[in-house]
Protein backbone atom coordinates (compact mmCIF):
# COMPACT_ATOMS: atom_id res chain seq x y z
CA MET A 1 20.15 -4.06 12.45
CA LYS A 2 20.25 -0.31 11.80
CA ILE A 3 18.77 0.23 8.32
CA ARG A 4 17.17 -3.20 8.14
CA GLY A 5 15.48 -2.62 11.50
CA ALA A 6 14.15 0.74 10.33
CA ALA A 7 12.82 -0.89 7.17
CA VAL A 8 11.10 -3.66 9.13
CA ALA A 9 9.58 -1.13 11.51
CA THR A 10 8.34 1.01 8.61
CA ILE A 11 6.74 -1.91 6.79
CA THR A 12 5.18 -3.23 9.98
CA SER A 13 3.69 0.15 10.86
CA GLN A 14 2.33 0.59 7.31
CA ILE A 15 0.62 -2.81 7.45
CA ILE A 16 -0.89 -2.11 10.85
CA SER A 17 -2.12 1.32 9.72
CA ALA A 18 -3.68 -0.16 6.58
CA LEU A 19 -5.47 -2.84 8.62
CA ILE A 20 -6.80 -0.32 11.12
CA LEU A 21 -8.14 1.94 8.35
CA PHE A 22 -9.62 -0.99 6.46
CA LEU A 23 -11.45 -2.22 9.57
CA TYR A 24 -12.64 1.30 10.34
CA PHE A 25 -14.10 1.78 6.87
CA CYS A 26 -15.66 -1.70 6.89
CA LYS A 27 -17.44 -1.33 10.21
CA ARG A 28 -17.68 2.15 11.71
CA SER A 29 -17.53 4.76 8.99
CA GLN A 30 -20.45 6.27 7.10
CA MET A 31 -18.47 5.42 4.00
CA ARG A 32 -18.51 1.62 3.91
CA LEU A 33 -16.21 -0.76 2.06
CA HIS A 34 -17.48 -4.17 1.04
CA LEU A 35 -15.03 -6.82 -0.15
CA LYS A 36 -17.49 -8.06 -2.76
CA GLU A 37 -17.54 -4.62 -4.40
CA LEU A 38 -13.76 -4.12 -4.55
CA LYS A 39 -12.48 -4.77 -8.06
CA LEU A 40 -9.19 -4.05 -9.77
CA ASP A 41 -9.30 -1.80 -12.80
CA GLY A 42 -6.73 -3.02 -15.33
CA SER A 43 -6.01 0.41 -16.80
CA VAL A 44 -5.43 1.91 -13.35
CA CYS A 45 -3.13 -0.97 -12.37
CA LYS A 46 -1.20 -0.51 -15.61
CA ASN A 47 -0.71 3.20 -14.90
CA VAL A 48 0.40 2.56 -11.32
CA ILE A 49 2.92 -0.04 -12.46
CA ALA A 50 4.18 2.21 -15.25
CA LEU A 51 4.68 5.14 -12.88
CA GLY A 52 6.12 3.05 -10.06
CA THR A 53 8.59 1.09 -12.17
CA SER A 54 10.83 4.02 -13.02
CA SER A 55 10.77 5.23 -9.43
CA GLY A 56 11.57 1.76 -8.16
CA ILE A 57 14.48 1.37 -10.56
CA THR A 58 15.81 4.79 -9.56
CA GLN A 59 15.63 3.87 -5.87
CA PHE A 60 17.28 0.51 -6.52
CA MET A 61 20.13 2.08 -8.50
CA ALA A 62 20.75 4.70 -5.80
CA LYS A 63 21.81 2.01 -3.32
């Protein structure tokens, strides 16, 4: 598996870390997150996609 195994392990650990942090902020932290209050901001999403696209293409082409 080599590289594929490392990729799967990385993605799995990122998902687990995100879930742990999300649960922490929803239940135990002084700074609370509520699903009803989470909204996507179109201009922020557009900027993230614009910045990430060139990086993603660069990474793809490097393989």
